[in-house]
């Protein structure tokens, strides 16, 4: 059994948080695109010492997610995307994630004015 910890949430929430992300996409052929994205969050030290070592404590680390993707558009109404992400938002472990998406736009819509 663990030791219960009492955290003064009013003081623990006084830490300021900031973050940013940057993204770039490049179309290298008519229907093909590649892209990268980086997202980072930072937080000041928590004011309540009881919060140290809990999930509220960033431990001085800046959690981040890095992603890369390859996308193919077989038509103007669909896309196939393969994306890899490295997620280090949990200080205990980094999670590698692969995602394969098939995106389809269906339904009536107004004519395009090119």
PDB file of N, CA and C in Angstrom:
ATOM      1  N   UNK A   1       0.843  -1.182   0.000  1.00  0.00           N
ATOM      2  CA  UNK A   1       0.000   0.000   0.000  1.00  0.00           C
ATOM      3  C   UNK A   1       0.883   1.238   0.000  1.00  0.00           C
ATOM      4  N   UNK A   2       0.453   2.253  -0.675  1.00  0.00           N
ATOM      5  CA  UNK A   2       1.206   3.493  -0.765  1.00  0.00           C
ATOM      6  C   UNK A   2       0.887   4.417   0.384  1.00  0.00           C
ATOM      7  N   UNK A   3       1.698   5.421   0.543  1.00  0.00           N
ATOM      8  CA  UNK A   3       1.487   6.427   1.570  1.00  0.00           C
ATOM      9  C   UNK A   3       0.642   7.539   0.984  1.00  0.00           C
ATOM     10  N   UNK A   4      -0.483   7.879   1.625  1.00  0.00           N
ATOM     11  CA  UNK A   4      -1.305   8.960   1.085  1.00  0.00           C
ATOM     12  C   UNK A   4      -0.565  10.295   1.170  1.00  0.00           C
ATOM     13  N   UNK A   5      -0.744  11.101   0.154  1.00  0.00           N
ATOM     14  CA  UNK A   5      -0.097  12.412   0.082  1.00  0.00           C
ATOM     15  C   UNK A   5      -1.182  13.464  -0.012  1.00  0.00           C
ATOM     16  N   UNK A   6      -1.092  14.468   0.830  1.00  0.00           N
ATOM     17  CA  UNK A   6      -2.036  15.576   0.782  1.00  0.00           C
ATOM     18  C   UNK A   6      -1.360  16.731   0.059  1.00  0.00           C
ATOM     19  N   UNK A   7      -1.972  17.169  -1.006  1.00  0.00           N
ATOM     20  CA  UNK A   7      -1.412  18.248  -1.819  1.00  0.00           C
ATOM     21  C   UNK A   7      -2.337  19.449  -1.741  1.00  0.00           C
ATOM     22  N   UNK A   8      -1.761  20.588  -1.469  1.00  0.00           N
ATOM     23  CA  UNK A   8      -2.527  21.825  -1.473  1.00  0.00           C
ATOM     24  C   UNK A   8      -2.679  22.235  -2.935  1.00  0.00           C
ATOM     25  N   UNK A   9      -3.809  21.860  -3.536  1.00  0.00           N
ATOM     26  CA  UNK A   9      -4.020  22.104  -4.966  1.00  0.00           C
ATOM     27  C   UNK A   9      -3.962  23.583  -5.311  1.00  0.00           C
ATOM     28  N   UNK A  10      -4.335  24.433  -4.378  1.00  0.00           N
ATOM     29  CA  UNK A  10      -4.295  25.870  -4.629  1.00  0.00           C
ATOM     30  C   UNK A  10      -2.856  26.331  -4.887  1.00  0.00           C
ATOM     31  N   UNK A  11      -1.902  25.833  -4.075  1.00  0.00           N
ATOM     32  CA  UNK A  11      -0.497  26.188  -4.274  1.00  0.00           C
ATOM     33  C   UNK A  11       0.129  25.435  -5.438  1.00  0.00           C
ATOM     34  N   UNK A  12      -0.258  24.165  -5.620  1.00  0.00           N
ATOM     35  CA  UNK A  12       0.329  23.353  -6.687  1.00  0.00           C
ATOM     36  C   UNK A  12      -0.003  23.926  -8.064  1.00  0.00           C
ATOM     37  N   UNK A  13      -1.158  24.554  -8.183  1.00  0.00           N
ATOM     38  CA  UNK A  13      -1.580  25.087  -9.483  1.00  0.00           C
ATOM     39  C   UNK A  13      -1.004  26.465  -9.791  1.00  0.00           C
ATOM     40  N   UNK A  14      -0.175  27.014  -8.910  1.00  0.00           N
ATOM     41  CA  UNK A  14       0.392  28.336  -9.153  1.00  0.00           C
ATOM     42  C   UNK A  14       1.547  28.304 -10.138  1.00  0.00           C
ATOM     43  N   UNK A  15       2.027  27.130 -10.494  1.00  0.00           N
ATOM     44  CA  UNK A  15       3.115  27.032 -11.465  1.00  0.00           C
ATOM     45  C   UNK A  15       2.591  27.476 -12.832  1.00  0.00           C
ATOM     46  N   UNK A  16       3.404  28.230 -13.548  1.00  0.00           N
ATOM     47  CA  UNK A  16       2.967  28.661 -14.879  1.00  0.00           C
ATOM     48  C   UNK A  16       3.422  27.639 -15.915  1.00  0.00           C
ATOM     49  N   UNK A  17       2.627  27.495 -16.942  1.00  0.00           N
ATOM     50  CA  UNK A  17       2.911  26.539 -18.017  1.00  0.00           C
ATOM     51  C   UNK A  17       2.982  27.285 -19.333  1.00  0.00           C
ATOM     52  N   UNK A  18       3.871  26.822 -20.190  1.00  0.00           N
ATOM     53  CA  UNK A  18       3.999  27.385 -21.534  1.00  0.00           C
ATOM     54  C   UNK A  18       4.222  26.233 -22.507  1.00  0.00           C
ATOM     55  N   UNK A  19       4.003  26.502 -23.750  1.00  0.00           N
ATOM     56  CA  UNK A  19       4.240  25.472 -24.748  1.00  0.00           C
ATOM     57  C   UNK A  19       4.295  26.071 -26.137  1.00  0.00           C
ATOM     58  N   UNK A  20       4.766  25.275 -27.064  1.00  0.00           N
ATOM     59  CA  UNK A  20       4.839  25.706 -28.456  1.00  0.00           C
ATOM     60  C   UNK A  20       4.818  24.466 -29.348  1.00  0.00           C
ATOM     61  N   UNK A  21       4.509  24.692 -30.608  1.00  0.00           N
ATOM     62  CA  UNK A  21       4.668  23.624 -31.587  1.00  0.00           C
ATOM     63  C   UNK A  21       5.077  24.239 -32.911  1.00  0.00           C
ATOM     64  N   UNK A  22       5.749  23.447 -33.712  1.00  0.00           N
ATOM     65  CA  UNK A  22       6.149  23.853 -35.060  1.00  0.00           C
ATOM     66  C   UNK A  22       5.824  22.695 -35.993  1.00  0.00           C
ATOM     67  N   UNK A  23       5.353  23.033 -37.169  1.00  0.00           N
ATOM     68  CA  UNK A  23       4.957  22.019 -38.134  1.00  0.00           C
ATOM     69  C   UNK A  23       5.389  22.456 -39.521  1.00  0.00           C
ATOM     70  N   UNK A  24       5.821  21.506 -40.316  1.00  0.00           N
ATOM     71  CA  UNK A  24       6.183  21.780 -41.713  1.00  0.00           C
ATOM     72  C   UNK A  24       5.665  20.638 -42.580  1.00  0.00           C
ATOM     73  N   UNK A  25       5.101  20.990 -43.724  1.00  0.00           N
ATOM     74  CA  UNK A  25       4.645  20.001 -44.714  1.00  0.00           C
ATOM     75  C   UNK A  25       5.229  20.379 -46.058  1.00  0.00           C
ATOM     76  N   UNK A  26       5.605  19.375 -46.815  1.00  0.00           N
ATOM     77  CA  UNK A  26       6.198  19.614 -48.133  1.00  0.00           C
ATOM     78  C   UNK A  26       5.572  18.661 -49.135  1.00  0.00           C
ATOM     79  N   UNK A  27       5.072  19.212 -50.246  1.00  0.00           N
ATOM     80  CA  UNK A  27       4.503  18.401 -51.321  1.00  0.00           C
ATOM     81  C   UNK A  27       5.599  18.175 -52.349  1.00  0.00           C
ATOM     82  N   UNK A  28       6.106  16.937 -52.428  1.00  0.00           N
ATOM     83  CA  UNK A  28       7.231  16.664 -53.309  1.00  0.00           C
ATOM     84  C   UNK A  28       6.810  16.107 -54.665  1.00  0.00           C
ATOM     85  N   UNK A  29       5.570  15.656 -54.805  1.00  0.00           N
ATOM     86  CA  UNK A  29       4.985  15.287 -56.088  1.00  0.00           C
ATOM     87  C   UNK A  29       3.520  15.690 -56.050  1.00  0.00           C
ATOM     88  N   UNK A  30       2.836  15.503 -57.161  1.00  0.00           N
ATOM     89  CA  UNK A  30       1.470  16.010 -57.265  1.00  0.00           C
ATOM     90  C   UNK A  30       0.563  15.529 -56.123  1.00  0.00           C
ATOM     91  N   UNK A  31       0.603  14.290 -55.744  1.00  0.00           N
ATOM     92  CA  UNK A  31      -0.313  13.758 -54.728  1.00  0.00           C
ATOM     93  C   UNK A  31       0.391  13.293 -53.452  1.00  0.00           C
ATOM     94  N   UNK A  32       1.680  13.558 -53.326  1.00  0.00           N
ATOM     95  CA  UNK A  32       2.463  13.082 -52.187  1.00  0.00           C
ATOM     96  C   UNK A  32       2.958  14.243 -51.328  1.00  0.00           C
ATOM     97  N   UNK A  33       2.850  14.062 -49.994  1.00  0.00           N
ATOM     98  CA  UNK A  33       3.347  15.061 -49.045  1.00  0.00           C
ATOM     99  C   UNK A  33       4.071  14.358 -47.893  1.00  0.00           C
ATOM    100  N   UNK A  34       5.043  15.046 -47.338  1.00  0.00           N
ATOM    101  CA  UNK A  34       5.709  14.604 -46.108  1.00  0.00           C
ATOM    102  C   UNK A  34       5.592  15.757 -45.114  1.00  0.00           C
ATOM    103  N   UNK A  35       5.699  15.430 -43.843  1.00  0.00           N
ATOM    104  CA  UNK A  35       5.606  16.475 -42.835  1.00  0.00           C
ATOM    105  C   UNK A  35       6.243  16.060 -41.529  1.00  0.00           C
ATOM    106  N   UNK A  36       6.600  17.054 -40.744  1.00  0.00           N
ATOM    107  CA  UNK A  36       7.129  16.844 -39.393  1.00  0.00           C
ATOM    108  C   UNK A  36       6.447  17.828 -38.456  1.00  0.00           C
ATOM    109  N   UNK A  37       6.382  17.436 -37.186  1.00  0.00           N
ATOM    110  CA  UNK A  37       5.782  18.305 -36.169  1.00  0.00           C
ATOM    111  C   UNK A  37       6.500  18.060 -34.849  1.00  0.00           C
ATOM    112  N   UNK A  38       6.733  19.136 -34.114  1.00  0.00           N
ATOM    113  CA  UNK A  38       7.349  19.057 -32.790  1.00  0.00           C
ATOM    114  C   UNK A  38       6.494  19.895 -31.841  1.00  0.00           C
ATOM    115  N   UNK A  39       6.087  19.311 -30.722  1.00  0.00           N
ATOM    116  CA  UNK A  39       5.314  20.014 -29.705  1.00  0.00           C
ATOM    117  C   UNK A  39       6.022  19.856 -28.364  1.00  0.00           C
ATOM    118  N   UNK A  40       6.193  20.969 -27.639  1.00  0.00           N
ATOM    119  CA  UNK A  40       6.915  20.960 -26.362  1.00  0.00           C
ATOM    120  C   UNK A  40       6.123  21.784 -25.345  1.00  0.00           C
ATOM    121  N   UNK A  41       6.068  21.294 -24.113  1.00  0.00           N
ATOM    122  CA  UNK A  41       5.445  22.033 -23.015  1.00  0.00           C
ATOM    123  C   UNK A  41       6.490  22.221 -21.921  1.00  0.00           C
ATOM    124  N   UNK A  42       6.438  23.355 -21.239  1.00  0.00           N
ATOM    125  CA  UNK A  42       7.338  23.608 -20.108  1.00  0.00           C
ATOM    126  C   UNK A  42       6.499  24.097 -18.936  1.00  0.00           C
ATOM    127  N   UNK A  43       6.988  23.845 -17.739  1.00  0.00           N
ATOM    128  CA  UNK A  43       6.290  24.295 -16.532  1.00  0.00           C
ATOM    129  C   UNK A  43       7.319  24.715 -15.501  1.00  0.00           C
ATOM    130  N   UNK A  44       6.974  25.746 -14.732  1.00  0.00           N
ATOM    131  CA  UNK A  44       7.815  26.153 -13.618  1.00  0.00           C
ATOM    132  C   UNK A  44       7.732  25.101 -12.517  1.00  0.00           C
ATOM    133  N   UNK A  45       8.625  25.172 -11.579  1.00  0.00           N
ATOM    134  CA  UNK A  45       8.607  24.256 -10.428  1.00  0.00           C
ATOM    135  C   UNK A  45       7.324  24.458  -9.633  1.00  0.00           C
ATOM    136  N   UNK A  46       6.799  23.371  -9.119  1.00  0.00           N
ATOM    137  CA  UNK A  46       5.592  23.449  -8.309  1.00  0.00           C
ATOM    138  C   UNK A  46       5.899  24.091  -6.961  1.00  0.00           C
ATOM    139  N   UNK A  47       4.953  24.843  -6.429  1.00  0.00           N
ATOM    140  CA  UNK A  47       5.146  25.552  -5.161  1.00  0.00           C
ATOM    141  C   UNK A  47       4.975  24.625  -3.951  1.00  0.00           C
ATOM    142  N   UNK A  48       4.114  23.622  -4.055  1.00  0.00           N
ATOM    143  CA  UNK A  48       3.828  22.738  -2.931  1.00  0.00           C
ATOM    144  C   UNK A  48       4.816  21.573  -2.916  1.00  0.00           C
ATOM    145  N   UNK A  49       5.656  21.436  -1.893  1.00  0.00           N
ATOM    146  CA  UNK A  49       6.638  20.347  -1.863  1.00  0.00           C
ATOM    147  C   UNK A  49       5.998  18.962  -1.832  1.00  0.00           C
ATOM    148  N   UNK A  50       4.748  18.854  -1.378  1.00  0.00           N
ATOM    149  CA  UNK A  50       4.069  17.552  -1.354  1.00  0.00           C
ATOM    150  C   UNK A  50       3.768  17.042  -2.758  1.00  0.00           C
ATOM    151  N   UNK A  51       3.787  17.927  -3.751  1.00  0.00           N
ATOM    152  CA  UNK A  51       3.499  17.521  -5.132  1.00  0.00           C
ATOM    153  C   UNK A  51       4.716  16.905  -5.812  1.00  0.00           C
ATOM    154  N   UNK A  52       5.886  17.023  -5.185  1.00  0.00           N
ATOM    155  CA  UNK A  52       7.112  16.487  -5.778  1.00  0.00           C
ATOM    156  C   UNK A  52       6.992  14.974  -5.941  1.00  0.00           C
ATOM    157  N   UNK A  53       7.289  14.498  -7.135  1.00  0.00           N
ATOM    158  CA  UNK A  53       7.229  13.073  -7.418  1.00  0.00           C
ATOM    159  C   UNK A  53       5.863  12.564  -7.823  1.00  0.00           C
ATOM    160  N   UNK A  54       4.842  13.424  -7.836  1.00  0.00           N
ATOM    161  CA  UNK A  54       3.509  13.014  -8.275  1.00  0.00           C
ATOM    162  C   UNK A  54       3.361  13.320  -9.765  1.00  0.00           C
ATOM    163  N   UNK A  55       2.212  12.988 -10.315  1.00  0.00           N
ATOM    164  CA  UNK A  55       1.982  13.259 -11.738  1.00  0.00           C
ATOM    165  C   UNK A  55       1.908  14.752 -12.033  1.00  0.00           C
ATOM    166  N   UNK A  56       1.742  15.581 -10.998  1.00  0.00           N
ATOM    167  CA  UNK A  56       1.738  17.033 -11.204  1.00  0.00           C
ATOM    168  C   UNK A  56       3.144  17.585 -11.376  1.00  0.00           C
ATOM    169  N   UNK A  57       4.157  16.813 -10.992  1.00  0.00           N
ATOM    170  CA  UNK A  57       5.549  17.264 -11.003  1.00  0.00           C
ATOM    171  C   UNK A  57       6.202  16.906 -12.337  1.00  0.00           C
ATOM    172  N   UNK A  58       6.695  17.917 -13.047  1.00  0.00           N
ATOM    173  CA  UNK A  58       7.358  17.663 -14.328  1.00  0.00           C
ATOM    174  C   UNK A  58       8.786  17.187 -14.122  1.00  0.00           C
ATOM    175  N   UNK A  59       9.290  17.298 -12.914  1.00  0.00           N
ATOM    176  CA  UNK A  59      10.649  16.852 -12.629  1.00  0.00           C
ATOM    177  C   UNK A  59      11.699  17.648 -13.366  1.00  0.00           C
ATOM    178  N   UNK A  60      11.371  18.870 -13.755  1.00  0.00           N
ATOM    179  CA  UNK A  60      12.327  19.695 -14.489  1.00  0.00           C
ATOM    180  C   UNK A  60      12.442  19.324 -15.953  1.00  0.00           C
ATOM    181  N   UNK A  61      11.617  18.394 -16.415  1.00  0.00           N
ATOM    182  CA  UNK A  61      11.668  17.969 -17.811  1.00  0.00           C
ATOM    183  C   UNK A  61      10.609  18.699 -18.617  1.00  0.00           C
ATOM    184  N   UNK A  62      10.852  18.799 -19.909  1.00  0.00           N
ATOM    185  CA  UNK A  62       9.887  19.400 -20.824  1.00  0.00           C
ATOM    186  C   UNK A  62       9.273  18.297 -21.672  1.00  0.00           C
ATOM    187  N   UNK A  63       8.028  17.908 -21.389  1.00  0.00           N
ATOM    188  CA  UNK A  63       7.401  16.860 -22.188  1.00  0.00           C
ATOM    189  C   UNK A  63       7.265  17.307 -23.643  1.00  0.00           C
ATOM    190  N   UNK A  64       7.441  16.347 -24.551  1.00  0.00           N
ATOM    191  CA  UNK A  64       7.359  16.692 -25.969  1.00  0.00           C
ATOM    192  C   UNK A  64       6.807  15.527 -26.770  1.00  0.00           C
ATOM    193  N   UNK A  65       6.319  15.853 -27.967  1.00  0.00           N
ATOM    194  CA  UNK A  65       5.865  14.857 -28.942  1.00  0.00           C
ATOM    195  C   UNK A  65       6.467  15.240 -30.284  1.00  0.00           C
ATOM    196  N   UNK A  66       7.153  14.299 -30.905  1.00  0.00           N
ATOM    197  CA  UNK A  66       7.725  14.499 -32.237  1.00  0.00           C
ATOM    198  C   UNK A  66       7.011  13.569 -33.203  1.00  0.00           C
ATOM    199  N   UNK A  67       6.640  14.073 -34.374  1.00  0.00           N
ATOM    200  CA  UNK A  67       5.909  13.271 -35.356  1.00  0.00           C
ATOM    201  C   UNK A  67       6.470  13.479 -36.748  1.00  0.00           C
ATOM    202  N   UNK A  68       6.359  12.429 -37.557  1.00  0.00           N
ATOM    203  CA  UNK A  68       6.696  12.500 -38.979  1.00  0.00           C
ATOM    204  C   UNK A  68       5.601  11.763 -39.740  1.00  0.00           C
ATOM    205  N   UNK A  69       5.247  12.263 -40.913  1.00  0.00           N
ATOM    206  CA  UNK A  69       4.169  11.621 -41.666  1.00  0.00           C
ATOM    207  C   UNK A  69       4.470  11.605 -43.164  1.00  0.00           C
ATOM    208  N   UNK A  70       3.878  10.613 -43.819  1.00  0.00           N
ATOM    209  CA  UNK A  70       3.888  10.485 -45.271  1.00  0.00           C
ATOM    210  C   UNK A  70       2.434  10.370 -45.687  1.00  0.00           C
ATOM    211  N   UNK A  71       2.029  11.188 -46.659  1.00  0.00           N
ATOM    212  CA  UNK A  71       0.619  11.260 -47.041  1.00  0.00           C
ATOM    213  C   UNK A  71       0.485  11.142 -48.547  1.00  0.00           C
ATOM    214  N   UNK A  72      -0.512  10.362 -48.976  1.00  0.00           N
ATOM    215  CA  UNK A  72      -0.820  10.202 -50.399  1.00  0.00           C
ATOM    216  C   UNK A  72      -2.295  10.509 -50.599  1.00  0.00           C
ATOM    217  N   UNK A  73      -2.594  11.326 -51.602  1.00  0.00           N
ATOM    218  CA  UNK A  73      -3.976  11.672 -51.921  1.00  0.00           C
ATOM    219  C   UNK A  73      -4.387  11.055 -53.244  1.00  0.00           C
ATOM    220  N   UNK A  74      -4.997   9.850 -53.241  1.00  0.00           N
ATOM    221  CA  UNK A  74      -5.378   9.210 -54.498  1.00  0.00           C
ATOM    222  C   UNK A  74      -6.410   9.998 -55.299  1.00  0.00           C
ATOM    223  N   UNK A  75      -7.190  10.842 -54.616  1.00  0.00           N
ATOM    224  CA  UNK A  75      -8.140  11.727 -55.289  1.00  0.00           C
ATOM    225  C   UNK A  75      -8.272  12.981 -54.445  1.00  0.00           C
ATOM    226  N   UNK A  76      -9.032  13.943 -54.949  1.00  0.00           N
ATOM    227  CA  UNK A  76      -9.225  15.162 -54.162  1.00  0.00           C
ATOM    228  C   UNK A  76     -10.162  14.937 -52.981  1.00  0.00           C
ATOM    229  N   UNK A  77     -10.775  13.752 -52.889  1.00  0.00           N
ATOM    230  CA  UNK A  77     -11.724  13.453 -51.819  1.00  0.00           C
ATOM    231  C   UNK A  77     -11.191  12.457 -50.796  1.00  0.00           C
ATOM    232  N   UNK A  78      -9.931  12.035 -50.916  1.00  0.00           N
ATOM    233  CA  UNK A  78      -9.415  11.051 -49.967  1.00  0.00           C
ATOM    234  C   UNK A  78      -7.914  11.235 -49.756  1.00  0.00           C
ATOM    235  N   UNK A  79      -7.460  10.757 -48.605  1.00  0.00           N
ATOM    236  CA  UNK A  79      -6.039  10.788 -48.252  1.00  0.00           C
ATOM    237  C   UNK A  79      -5.703   9.525 -47.477  1.00  0.00           C
ATOM    238  N   UNK A  80      -4.501   9.035 -47.693  1.00  0.00           N
ATOM    239  CA  UNK A  80      -3.956   7.935 -46.903  1.00  0.00           C
ATOM    240  C   UNK A  80      -2.712   8.487 -46.220  1.00  0.00           C
ATOM    241  N   UNK A  81      -2.651   8.370 -44.902  1.00  0.00           N
ATOM    242  CA  UNK A  81      -1.543   8.954 -44.141  1.00  0.00           C
ATOM    243  C   UNK A  81      -0.934   7.902 -43.223  1.00  0.00           C
ATOM    244  N   UNK A  82       0.388   7.792 -43.274  1.00  0.00           N
ATOM    245  CA  UNK A  82       1.152   6.983 -42.335  1.00  0.00           C
ATOM    246  C   UNK A  82       1.929   7.944 -41.455  1.00  0.00           C
ATOM    247  N   UNK A  83       1.750   7.806 -40.136  1.00  0.00           N
ATOM    248  CA  UNK A  83       2.382   8.753 -39.213  1.00  0.00           C
ATOM    249  C   UNK A  83       3.071   7.999 -38.087  1.00  0.00           C
ATOM    250  N   UNK A  84       4.266   8.463 -37.730  1.00  0.00           N
ATOM    251  CA  UNK A  84       5.007   7.938 -36.583  1.00  0.00           C
ATOM    252  C   UNK A  84       5.158   9.063 -35.565  1.00  0.00           C
ATOM    253  N   UNK A  85       4.901   8.758 -34.286  1.00  0.00           N
ATOM    254  CA  UNK A  85       5.052   9.750 -33.214  1.00  0.00           C
ATOM    255  C   UNK A  85       5.873   9.164 -32.085  1.00  0.00           C
ATOM    256  N   UNK A  86       6.733   9.989 -31.539  1.00  0.00           N
ATOM    257  CA  UNK A  86       7.497   9.644 -30.346  1.00  0.00           C
ATOM    258  C   UNK A  86       7.009  10.567 -29.234  1.00  0.00           C
ATOM    259  N   UNK A  87       6.348   9.994 -28.237  1.00  0.00           N
ATOM    260  CA  UNK A  87       5.666  10.748 -27.191  1.00  0.00           C
ATOM    261  C   UNK A  87       6.428  10.603 -25.876  1.00  0.00           C
ATOM    262  N   UNK A  88       7.018  11.702 -25.394  1.00  0.00           N
ATOM    263  CA  UNK A  88       7.732  11.670 -24.120  1.00  0.00           C
ATOM    264  C   UNK A  88       7.040  12.550 -23.079  1.00  0.00           C
ATOM    265  N   UNK A  89       5.715  12.593 -23.109  1.00  0.00           N
ATOM    266  CA  UNK A  89       4.971  13.377 -22.126  1.00  0.00           C
ATOM    267  C   UNK A  89       4.965  12.705 -20.757  1.00  0.00           C
ATOM    268  N   UNK A  90       5.181  11.395 -20.712  1.00  0.00           N
ATOM    269  CA  UNK A  90       5.304  10.671 -19.451  1.00  0.00           C
ATOM    270  C   UNK A  90       6.788  10.567 -19.128  1.00  0.00           C
ATOM    271  N   UNK A  91       7.233  11.138 -17.997  1.00  0.00           N
ATOM    272  CA  UNK A  91       8.668  11.111 -17.692  1.00  0.00           C
ATOM    273  C   UNK A  91       9.215   9.705 -17.470  1.00  0.00           C
ATOM    274  N   UNK A  92       8.350   8.732 -17.211  1.00  0.00           N
ATOM    275  CA  UNK A  92       8.788   7.361 -16.943  1.00  0.00           C
ATOM    276  C   UNK A  92       9.142   6.594 -18.210  1.00  0.00           C
ATOM    277  N   UNK A  93       8.515   6.916 -19.322  1.00  0.00           N
ATOM    278  CA  UNK A  93       8.754   6.156 -20.553  1.00  0.00           C
ATOM    279  C   UNK A  93       8.403   6.980 -21.783  1.00  0.00           C
ATOM    280  N   UNK A  94       9.042   6.647 -22.888  1.00  0.00           N
ATOM    281  CA  UNK A  94       8.720   7.248 -24.177  1.00  0.00           C
ATOM    282  C   UNK A  94       7.886   6.243 -24.964  1.00  0.00           C
ATOM    283  N   UNK A  95       6.806   6.711 -25.555  1.00  0.00           N
ATOM    284  CA  UNK A  95       5.896   5.836 -26.294  1.00  0.00           C
ATOM    285  C   UNK A  95       6.081   6.082 -27.786  1.00  0.00           C
ATOM    286  N   UNK A  96       6.339   5.011 -28.537  1.00  0.00           N
ATOM    287  CA  UNK A  96       6.420   5.081 -29.991  1.00  0.00           C
ATOM    288  C   UNK A  96       5.066   4.651 -30.541  1.00  0.00           C
ATOM    289  N   UNK A  97       4.511   5.446 -31.446  1.00  0.00           N
ATOM    290  CA  UNK A  97       3.168   5.187 -31.954  1.00  0.00           C
ATOM    291  C   UNK A  97       3.155   5.288 -33.474  1.00  0.00           C
ATOM    292  N   UNK A  98       2.614   4.268 -34.132  1.00  0.00           N
ATOM    293  CA  UNK A  98       2.391   4.288 -35.570  1.00  0.00           C
ATOM    294  C   UNK A  98       0.894   4.431 -35.809  1.00  0.00           C
ATOM    295  N   UNK A  99       0.522   5.213 -36.804  1.00  0.00           N
ATOM    296  CA  UNK A  99      -0.891   5.414 -37.112  1.00  0.00           C
ATOM    297  C   UNK A  99      -1.064   5.397 -38.639  1.00  0.00           C
ATOM    298  N   UNK A 100      -1.996   4.599 -39.108  1.00  0.00           N
ATOM    299  CA  UNK A 100      -2.349   4.564 -40.523  1.00  0.00           C
ATOM    300  C   UNK A 100      -3.782   5.062 -40.637  1.00  0.00           C
ATOM    301  N   UNK A 101      -3.974   6.160 -41.373  1.00  0.00           N
ATOM    302  CA  UNK A 101      -5.294   6.769 -41.513  1.00  0.00           C
ATOM    303  C   UNK A 101      -5.748   6.733 -42.957  1.00  0.00           C
ATOM    304  N   UNK A 102      -7.050   6.520 -43.142  1.00  0.00           N
ATOM    305  CA  UNK A 102      -7.675   6.662 -44.448  1.00  0.00           C
ATOM    306  C   UNK A 102      -8.793   7.673 -44.271  1.00  0.00           C
ATOM    307  N   UNK A 103      -8.671   8.822 -44.905  1.00  0.00           N
ATOM    308  CA  UNK A 103      -9.601   9.929 -44.725  1.00  0.00           C
ATOM    309  C   UNK A 103     -10.406  10.094 -46.019  1.00  0.00           C
ATOM    310  N   UNK A 104     -11.715  10.102 -45.873  1.00  0.00           N
ATOM    311  CA  UNK A 104     -12.600  10.217 -47.038  1.00  0.00           C
ATOM    312  C   UNK A 104     -13.592  11.347 -46.801  1.00  0.00           C
ATOM    313  N   UNK A 105     -13.759  12.206 -47.787  1.00  0.00           N
ATOM    314  CA  UNK A 105     -14.773  13.254 -47.750  1.00  0.00           C
ATOM    315  C   UNK A 105     -15.940  12.778 -48.624  1.00  0.00           C
ATOM    316  N   UNK A 106     -17.113  12.686 -48.006  1.00  0.00           N
ATOM    317  CA  UNK A 106     -18.291  12.186 -48.747  1.00  0.00           C
ATOM    318  C   UNK A 106     -19.414  13.184 -48.617  1.00  0.00           C
ATOM    319  N   UNK A 107     -20.312  13.174 -49.593  1.00  0.00           N
ATOM    320  CA  UNK A 107     -21.506  14.004 -49.501  1.00  0.00           C
ATOM    321  C   UNK A 107     -21.532  15.078 -50.566  1.00  0.00           C
ATOM    322  N   UNK A 108     -22.708  15.633 -50.742  1.00  0.00           N
ATOM    323  CA  UNK A 108     -22.884  16.693 -51.732  1.00  0.00           C
ATOM    324  C   UNK A 108     -22.249  17.977 -51.240  1.00  0.00           C
ATOM    325  N   UNK A 109     -21.697  18.718 -52.167  1.00  0.00           N
ATOM    326  CA  UNK A 109     -21.116  20.027 -51.836  1.00  0.00           C
ATOM    327  C   UNK A 109     -21.200  20.909 -53.071  1.00  0.00           C
ATOM    328  N   UNK A 110     -21.030  22.177 -52.818  1.00  0.00           N
ATOM    329  CA  UNK A 110     -21.135  23.153 -53.914  1.00  0.00           C
ATOM    330  C   UNK A 110     -20.002  22.956 -54.925  1.00  0.00           C
ATOM    331  N   UNK A 111     -20.244  23.412 -56.126  1.00  0.00           N
ATOM    332  CA  UNK A 111     -19.225  23.309 -57.169  1.00  0.00           C
ATOM    333  C   UNK A 111     -18.024  24.181 -56.833  1.00  0.00           C
ATOM    334  N   UNK A 112     -16.857  23.744 -57.259  1.00  0.00           N
ATOM    335  CA  UNK A 112     -15.631  24.494 -57.002  1.00  0.00           C
ATOM    336  C   UNK A 112     -15.501  25.644 -58.001  1.00  0.00           C
ATOM    337  N   UNK A 113     -15.016  26.750 -57.546  1.00  0.00           N
ATOM    338  CA  UNK A 113     -14.753  27.887 -58.434  1.00  0.00           C
ATOM    339  C   UNK A 113     -13.253  28.033 -58.583  1.00  0.00           C
ATOM    340  N   UNK A 114     -12.698  27.417 -59.600  1.00  0.00           N
ATOM    341  CA  UNK A 114     -11.248  27.461 -59.823  1.00  0.00           C
ATOM    342  C   UNK A 114     -10.889  28.629 -60.695  1.00  0.00           C
TER     343      UNK A 114
END
